[in-house]
Amino acid sequence: MPTAIELAKQFQASLVGEASLAFNSLAPLERAQSDQISFLSNPLYRQQASDSTAGALIVSQSDLDFLQANPGAHSANRVYFVSKNPYATFARMAQHFAKSSAPLYPAGIHPSAAIDPSAVIPTSCHIGPFVQIGAGVKLGERVAILGNSSIARDSSIADDSLIYPSVSIYHASQIGERCIIHSGAVIGADGFGFAPDFSATGGEWVKIPQTGRVIIGNDVEIGASTTIDRGAMSDTMIGAGSKIDNQVQIAHNVVIGNCCVIAGCAAISGSTKIGHFCIIGGAANFAGHLTIADRTTVSGNTSIIRSITEPGQHFTGVYPSMLHSAWEKNAAILRGLDKIRQRLRLLDKNQNRES
């Protein structure tokens, strides 16, 4: 088990307390024991941190000052890791401890895998059962592709990426280094492109060939059952370091910048460009052909229908929940707003005439 001083040095935190104490894992404040580490990143939980039985806490300097001024019953031998960003330090420590319990994917190819002879697969890769790998595919070192996934022709996956079971990667897609793609994700499906051709006697929706690619940068994580469509003629692109949650829809020709986070069930329509470091809440949705500035935050369930040009703004467009009976009354008022507006305009005109 790593000691407090080893962890402090590795994660660049200041250490307060006994340097030789060792810890075996991380845990929430309410469950952590004397051999575990927890963290405090929200001042609302200071009292809970003070009462916690955790053997160590990751804290900011201001939270440390509070805890030392208000010690709990279990504070006597506690170690503190003081960090400018306790939440990020916690995440990095959690990665460190998770490595010891993470599943290992030994190098090798399962005999049931179907691999085209022209595919390039280093000996360090793990290819699971019933995986299909098409012609011209190129894998980097230590790539792990788990059971029942399909990698279509001319795709590439760079070093140390992990593809969970039942992922479908369509032809000519490019996946960067250290990416994680969770089960059920579909990368490179056809974008939703159809041209209407109708007359009085009938017609059809004419399919537009989707000949672009999906290009995914390094250190991207894609959640379960998320779909990223290939471009129509240009490419759909996901910037390095971006994290995409489960069941997100990203349409053709979308460009997402670096280090964005997109929560579950969000939907981004075709040809929209999302800047760097944007935060998109769950079930938010974007109309097509928009440009969204860097560091934009969009709250959950918000609909964005116009481009955002000024960086760093926060947009919210969600009605709070209410009793159904109250909602019905408000909805009735909304339905009549146009009539009320017309009456006000007529009243204003009459007043102007009288004056």
Protein backbone atom coordinates (compact mmCIF):
# COMPACT_ATOMS: atom_id res chain seq x y z
CA MET A 1 0.00 0.00 0.00
CA PRO A 2 1.31 3.49 -0.81
CA THR A 3 2.22 5.76 2.08
CA ALA A 4 0.93 9.28 2.59
CA ILE A 5 4.23 10.87 1.60
CA GLU A 6 4.42 8.77 -1.57
CA LEU A 7 0.93 9.82 -2.59
CA ALA A 8 1.57 13.47 -1.75
CA LYS A 9 4.68 13.54 -3.93
CA GLN A 10 3.06 11.64 -6.79
CA PHE A 11 0.00 13.91 -6.93
CA GLN A 12 1.72 17.16 -5.99
CA ALA A 13 -0.27 17.80 -2.83
CA SER A 14 0.96 19.30 0.42
CA LEU A 15 0.94 16.79 3.26
CA VAL A 16 -0.30 17.54 6.77
CA GLY A 17 0.02 14.63 9.18
CA GLU A 18 1.93 11.37 9.60
CA ALA A 19 3.94 10.67 6.43
CA SER A 20 4.33 6.92 7.00
CA LEU A 21 0.64 6.02 7.19
CA ALA A 22 -0.45 3.74 4.34
CA PHE A 23 -3.79 3.64 2.51
CA ASN A 24 -5.42 0.97 0.37
CA SER A 25 -8.34 2.74 -1.39
CA LEU A 26 -10.70 5.71 -1.62
CA ALA A 27 -14.24 5.91 -0.28
CA PRO A 28 -17.08 8.44 0.27
CA LEU A 29 -17.01 10.56 3.41
CA GLU A 30 -19.80 8.60 5.10
CA ARG A 31 -18.18 5.18 4.50
CA ALA A 32 -14.44 5.77 4.56
CA GLN A 33 -12.41 3.94 7.22
CA SER A 34 -9.03 4.64 8.82
CA ASP A 35 -7.11 2.99 5.97
CA GLN A 36 -9.02 4.86 3.26
CA ILE A 37 -8.91 8.32 1.66
CA SER A 38 -11.88 10.58 1.01
CA PHE A 39 -12.17 14.12 -0.29
CA LEU A 40 -13.95 17.41 0.32
CA SER A 41 -14.59 19.74 -2.60
CA ASN A 42 -17.83 21.43 -1.51
CA PRO A 43 -17.93 23.54 1.69
CA LEU A 44 -21.50 22.31 2.29
CA TYR A 45 -20.01 18.98 3.41
CA ARG A 46 -17.45 20.37 5.87
CA GLN A 47 -19.29 19.06 8.91
CA GLN A 48 -19.66 15.63 7.33
CA ALA A 49 -15.92 15.65 6.61
CA SER A 50 -15.18 16.61 10.19
CA ASP A 51 -17.28 13.68 11.45
CA SER A 52 -15.92 11.18 8.91
CA THR A 53 -13.80 8.22 10.02
CA ALA A 54 -11.59 8.55 6.94
CA GLY A 55 -7.89 8.19 7.65
CA ALA A 56 -7.07 10.90 5.12
CA LEU A 57 -8.87 13.73 3.37
CA ILE A 58 -8.07 15.58 0.16
CA VAL A 59 -8.95 19.22 0.88
CA SER A 60 -8.34 22.82 -0.13
CA GLN A 61 -6.42 25.14 2.17
CA SER A 62 -9.61 26.93 3.28
CA ASP A 63 -11.33 23.64 4.10
CA LEU A 64 -8.25 22.49 6.04
CA ASP A 65 -8.38 25.67 8.12
CA PHE A 66 -12.04 25.00 8.94
CA LEU A 67 -11.46 21.33 9.84
CA GLN A 68 -8.52 22.13 12.07
CA ALA A 69 -10.55 24.81 13.83
CA ASN A 70 -13.51 22.41 14.22
CA PRO A 71 -12.02 18.96 14.81
CA GLY A 72 -14.27 15.92 14.88
CA ALA A 73 -14.03 12.84 17.07
CA HIS A 74 -11.82 11.02 14.51
CA SER A 75 -9.53 13.90 13.56
CA ALA A 76 -6.61 13.20 15.89
CA ASN A 77 -4.50 10.99 13.58
CA ARG A 78 -5.97 12.09 10.27
CA VAL A 79 -3.78 12.93 7.28
CA TYR A 80 -4.62 15.81 4.95
CA PHE A 81 -3.61 16.16 1.31
CA VAL A 82 -3.93 19.87 0.55
CA SER A 83 -4.61 20.63 -3.10
CA LYS A 84 -5.68 23.63 -5.18
CA ASN A 85 -8.19 21.34 -6.91
CA PRO A 86 -9.26 18.58 -4.49
CA TYR A 87 -11.73 17.02 -6.92
CA ALA A 88 -9.14 16.60 -9.66
CA THR A 89 -6.59 15.27 -7.17
CA PHE A 90 -9.18 12.76 -5.96
CA ALA A 91 -9.83 11.65 -9.55
CA ARG A 92 -6.11 11.09 -10.20
CA MET A 93 -5.66 9.17 -6.94
CA ALA A 94 -8.73 7.10 -7.81
CA GLN A 95 -7.10 6.18 -11.12
CA HIS A 96 -3.98 5.10 -9.25
CA PHE A 97 -5.89 2.79 -6.90
CA ALA A 98 -8.16 1.49 -9.67
CA LYS A 99 -5.20 0.12 -11.62
CA SER A 100 -4.69 -2.63 -9.06
CA SER A 101 -8.27 -3.90 -9.46
CA ALA A 102 -8.77 -3.18 -13.17
CA PRO A 103 -9.19 -6.22 -15.45
CA LEU A 104 -6.11 -7.17 -17.42
CA TYR A 105 -6.42 -7.88 -21.12
CA PRO A 106 -3.49 -10.11 -21.99
CA ALA A 107 -1.97 -9.86 -25.44
CA GLY A 108 -3.34 -12.37 -27.91
CA ILE A 109 -6.07 -13.12 -30.42
CA HIS A 110 -9.04 -15.30 -29.50
CA PRO A 111 -9.44 -18.20 -31.96
CA SER A 112 -13.03 -17.20 -32.74
CA ALA A 113 -12.05 -13.72 -33.97
CA ALA A 114 -12.44 -13.08 -37.71
CA ILE A 115 -9.54 -10.93 -38.95
CA ASP A 116 -8.76 -9.96 -42.51
CA PRO A 117 -5.19 -10.92 -43.47
CA SER A 118 -4.41 -7.33 -44.52
CA ALA A 119 -5.16 -5.92 -41.03
CA VAL A 120 -2.15 -4.70 -39.02
CA ILE A 121 -2.36 -5.98 -35.44
CA PRO A 122 0.69 -5.70 -33.14
CA THR A 123 1.42 -8.67 -30.91
CA SER A 124 0.72 -6.50 -27.83
CA CYS A 125 -3.00 -6.20 -28.73
CA HIS A 126 -5.85 -8.10 -27.12
CA ILE A 127 -8.55 -9.31 -29.54
CA GLY A 128 -11.52 -10.92 -27.79
CA PRO A 129 -13.98 -13.61 -28.89
CA PHE A 130 -16.05 -13.13 -32.04
CA VAL A 131 -14.41 -9.80 -32.87
CA GLN A 132 -14.51 -8.88 -36.56
CA ILE A 133 -11.69 -6.82 -38.08
CA GLY A 134 -11.90 -5.79 -41.72
CA ALA A 135 -9.40 -5.23 -44.49
CA GLY A 136 -6.84 -2.49 -44.04
CA VAL A 137 -7.51 -1.93 -40.35
CA LYS A 138 -4.50 -0.67 -38.38
CA LEU A 139 -4.22 -1.08 -34.63
CA GLY A 140 -1.66 0.59 -32.39
CA GLU A 141 0.23 -1.02 -29.54
CA ARG A 142 -1.70 -2.50 -26.59
CA VAL A 143 -5.13 -1.89 -28.11
CA ALA A 144 -7.82 -4.07 -26.49
CA ILE A 145 -10.94 -4.96 -28.49
CA LEU A 146 -13.39 -7.00 -26.45
CA GLY A 147 -15.90 -9.61 -27.55
CA ASN A 148 -18.36 -9.14 -30.42
CA SER A 149 -17.03 -5.76 -31.49
CA SER A 150 -16.69 -4.96 -35.18
CA ILE A 151 -13.96 -2.80 -36.73
CA ALA A 152 -14.72 -2.18 -40.40
CA ARG A 153 -12.27 -1.75 -43.26
CA ASP A 154 -9.60 0.96 -43.35
CA SER A 155 -10.25 2.08 -39.77
CA SER A 156 -7.45 2.82 -37.33
CA ILE A 157 -7.21 2.68 -33.55
CA ALA A 158 -4.12 4.19 -31.91
CA ASP A 159 -2.07 2.98 -28.94
CA ASP A 160 -3.63 1.94 -25.61
CA SER A 161 -7.27 2.39 -26.61
CA LEU A 162 -9.94 0.14 -25.13
CA ILE A 163 -13.00 -0.96 -27.10
CA TYR A 164 -15.61 -2.64 -24.90
CA PRO A 165 -17.89 -5.47 -26.11
CA SER A 166 -20.41 -4.98 -28.91
CA VAL A 167 -19.03 -1.72 -30.28
CA SER A 168 -19.47 -1.06 -34.01
CA ILE A 169 -16.83 1.05 -35.73
CA TYR A 170 -17.69 1.66 -39.38
CA HIS A 171 -15.23 1.93 -42.24
CA ALA A 172 -12.44 4.54 -42.37
CA SER A 173 -13.03 5.75 -38.80
CA GLN A 174 -9.99 7.00 -36.90
CA ILE A 175 -9.67 6.55 -33.13
CA GLY A 176 -6.87 8.26 -31.21
CA GLU A 177 -4.62 7.09 -28.38
CA ARG A 178 -5.92 6.06 -24.95
CA CYS A 179 -9.56 6.29 -26.00
CA ILE A 180 -12.30 4.32 -24.24
CA ILE A 181 -15.44 3.34 -26.16
CA HIS A 182 -18.17 1.64 -24.16
CA SER A 183 -20.54 -1.12 -25.17
CA GLY A 184 -23.17 -0.48 -27.80
CA ALA A 185 -21.54 2.65 -29.19
CA VAL A 186 -21.70 3.11 -32.96
CA ILE A 187 -18.95 5.14 -34.60
CA GLY A 188 -19.32 6.13 -38.24
CA ALA A 189 -22.93 5.23 -39.03
CA ASP A 190 -24.45 7.08 -41.98
CA GLY A 191 -25.54 10.61 -41.22
CA PHE A 192 -29.24 11.37 -41.62
CA GLY A 193 -29.11 12.97 -45.06
CA PHE A 194 -32.00 12.80 -47.54
CA ALA A 195 -33.09 15.15 -50.32
CA PRO A 196 -36.87 15.51 -50.87
CA ASP A 197 -38.14 14.90 -54.39
CA PHE A 198 -41.94 14.99 -54.35
CA SER A 199 -44.66 15.98 -56.76
CA ALA A 200 -48.44 15.86 -56.77
CA THR A 201 -48.31 12.23 -57.88
CA GLY A 202 -45.73 10.97 -55.39
CA GLY A 203 -41.99 10.93 -54.89
CA GLU A 204 -39.26 9.86 -52.53
CA TRP A 205 -36.55 10.88 -50.09
CA VAL A 206 -33.30 10.55 -52.03
CA LYS A 207 -30.43 9.30 -49.88
CA ILE A 208 -27.33 11.50 -49.89
CA PRO A 209 -24.18 9.32 -49.76
CA GLN A 210 -22.27 9.80 -46.52
CA THR A 211 -18.68 9.70 -47.72
CA GLY A 212 -16.90 11.50 -44.87
CA ARG A 213 -15.26 9.92 -41.83
CA VAL A 214 -15.31 10.09 -38.05
CA ILE A 215 -12.04 11.29 -36.53
CA ILE A 216 -11.66 11.01 -32.77
CA GLY A 217 -8.71 12.60 -30.96
CA ASN A 218 -6.59 11.25 -28.11
CA ASP A 219 -7.97 10.57 -24.61
CA VAL A 220 -11.62 10.66 -25.64
CA GLU A 221 -14.18 8.55 -23.76
CA ILE A 222 -17.48 7.62 -25.41
CA GLY A 223 -20.37 6.24 -23.37
CA ALA A 224 -22.57 3.22 -23.93
CA SER A 225 -25.03 3.33 -26.84
CA THR A 226 -23.78 6.68 -28.08
CA THR A 227 -23.85 7.26 -31.84
CA ILE A 228 -21.41 9.43 -33.78
CA ASP A 229 -22.39 9.71 -37.44
CA ARG A 230 -19.85 9.95 -40.24
CA GLY A 231 -19.69 13.13 -42.29
CA ALA A 232 -21.61 13.60 -45.52
CA MET A 233 -18.62 14.90 -47.46
CA SER A 234 -16.40 16.44 -44.77
CA ASP A 235 -15.55 14.67 -41.49
CA THR A 236 -17.21 14.47 -38.10
CA MET A 237 -14.51 15.32 -35.54
CA ILE A 238 -14.23 14.88 -31.77
CA GLY A 239 -11.43 16.86 -30.12
CA ALA A 240 -8.79 15.45 -27.79
CA GLY A 241 -9.75 14.98 -24.16
CA SER A 242 -13.49 15.25 -24.69
CA LYS A 243 -15.81 13.01 -22.66
CA ILE A 244 -19.17 11.92 -24.04
CA ASP A 245 -21.78 10.23 -21.87
CA ASN A 246 -24.23 7.42 -22.68
CA GLN A 247 -26.92 7.66 -25.37
CA VAL A 248 -25.66 10.86 -26.97
CA GLN A 249 -26.42 11.58 -30.65
CA ILE A 250 -23.77 13.44 -32.65
CA ALA A 251 -24.84 14.00 -36.24
CA HIS A 252 -22.85 14.22 -39.46
CA ASN A 253 -20.20 16.92 -39.94
CA VAL A 254 -20.34 17.99 -36.28
CA VAL A 255 -17.05 19.29 -34.92
CA ILE A 256 -16.51 19.13 -31.16
CA GLY A 257 -13.50 20.91 -29.67
CA ASN A 258 -10.96 19.73 -27.11
CA CYS A 259 -11.86 18.83 -23.51
CA CYS A 260 -15.63 19.16 -23.86
CA VAL A 261 -18.04 17.16 -21.68
CA ILE A 262 -21.44 16.10 -23.01
CA ALA A 263 -23.92 14.46 -20.64
CA GLY A 264 -26.38 11.68 -21.45
CA CYS A 265 -29.11 11.97 -24.07
CA ALA A 266 -27.81 15.23 -25.53
CA ALA A 267 -28.31 15.61 -29.28
CA ILE A 268 -26.23 17.74 -31.65
CA SER A 269 -27.60 18.28 -35.13
CA GLY A 270 -25.57 18.20 -38.31
CA SER A 271 -22.74 20.63 -39.13
CA THR A 272 -22.77 22.29 -35.71
CA LYS A 273 -19.37 23.34 -34.36
CA ILE A 274 -18.81 23.17 -30.61
CA GLY A 275 -15.81 25.10 -29.25
CA HIS A 276 -13.17 23.97 -26.76
CA PHE A 277 -13.89 23.33 -23.04
CA CYS A 278 -17.67 23.40 -23.43
CA ILE A 279 -20.00 21.76 -20.90
CA ILE A 280 -23.28 20.36 -22.23
CA GLY A 281 -25.91 19.07 -19.81
CA GLY A 282 -28.07 15.98 -20.18
CA ALA A 283 -30.79 16.03 -22.86
CA ALA A 284 -29.64 19.41 -24.18
CA ASN A 285 -30.13 19.75 -27.92
CA PHE A 286 -28.67 21.87 -30.70
CA ALA A 287 -30.11 22.87 -34.05
CA GLY A 288 -27.95 22.30 -37.10
CA HIS A 289 -25.31 24.57 -38.66
CA LEU A 290 -24.58 26.47 -35.43
CA THR A 291 -21.30 27.72 -34.03
CA ILE A 292 -20.84 27.53 -30.25
CA ALA A 293 -18.04 29.58 -28.66
CA ASP A 294 -15.34 28.17 -26.38
CA ARG A 295 -16.17 27.51 -22.71
CA THR A 296 -19.91 27.69 -23.25
CA THR A 297 -22.04 25.91 -20.63
CA VAL A 298 -25.49 24.62 -21.59
CA SER A 299 -27.77 23.35 -18.83
CA GLY A 300 -29.69 20.10 -19.14
CA ASN A 301 -32.82 20.04 -21.34
CA THR A 302 -31.90 23.37 -22.93
CA SER A 303 -32.53 23.89 -26.64
CA ILE A 304 -29.96 25.96 -28.53
CA ILE A 305 -31.34 27.27 -31.82
CA ARG A 306 -28.90 30.13 -32.53
CA SER A 307 -25.13 30.39 -32.68
CA ILE A 308 -23.27 31.55 -29.56
CA THR A 309 -20.37 33.84 -30.39
CA GLU A 310 -19.24 35.17 -27.00
CA PRO A 311 -17.06 32.69 -25.03
CA GLY A 312 -17.74 31.66 -21.46
CA GLN A 313 -21.50 32.16 -21.26
CA HIS A 314 -23.99 29.89 -19.47
CA PHE A 315 -27.36 29.15 -21.10
CA THR A 316 -30.44 27.64 -19.44
CA GLY A 317 -33.91 27.23 -20.89
CA VAL A 318 -35.75 24.79 -18.63
CA TYR A 319 -39.05 25.40 -16.85
CA PRO A 320 -38.89 24.12 -13.25
CA SER A 321 -41.22 21.26 -12.44
CA MET A 322 -44.55 22.06 -10.79
CA LEU A 323 -47.81 20.39 -9.83
CA HIS A 324 -49.71 19.25 -12.91
CA SER A 325 -52.74 21.36 -12.01
CA ALA A 326 -50.54 24.48 -11.84
CA TRP A 327 -48.93 23.57 -15.15
CA GLU A 328 -52.37 23.30 -16.81
CA LYS A 329 -53.28 26.79 -15.62
CA ASN A 330 -50.01 28.23 -16.89
CA ALA A 331 -50.36 26.41 -20.20
CA ALA A 332 -53.84 27.90 -20.66
CA ILE A 333 -52.39 31.37 -20.12
CA LEU A 334 -49.60 30.69 -22.62
CA ARG A 335 -52.12 29.58 -25.24
CA GLY A 336 -53.93 32.89 -24.87
CA LEU A 337 -50.88 35.16 -24.92
CA ASP A 338 -51.29 36.06 -28.59
CA LYS A 339 -54.89 37.19 -28.06
CA ILE A 340 -53.83 39.20 -25.00
CA ARG A 341 -51.10 40.85 -27.06
CA GLN A 342 -53.56 41.78 -29.80
CA ARG A 343 -55.95 43.31 -27.24
CA LEU A 344 -53.10 45.32 -25.69
CA ARG A 345 -52.06 46.62 -29.11
CA LEU A 346 -55.66 47.63 -29.89
CA LEU A 347 -55.94 49.34 -26.51
CA ASP A 348 -52.69 51.19 -27.13
CA LYS A 349 -53.88 52.38 -30.55
CA ASN A 350 -57.16 53.66 -29.06
CA GLN A 351 -55.31 55.54 -26.35
CA ASN A 352 -53.02 57.15 -28.92
CA ARG A 353 -56.01 58.29 -30.95
CA GLU A 354 -57.66 59.85 -27.91
CA SER A 355 -54.48 61.70 -26.98
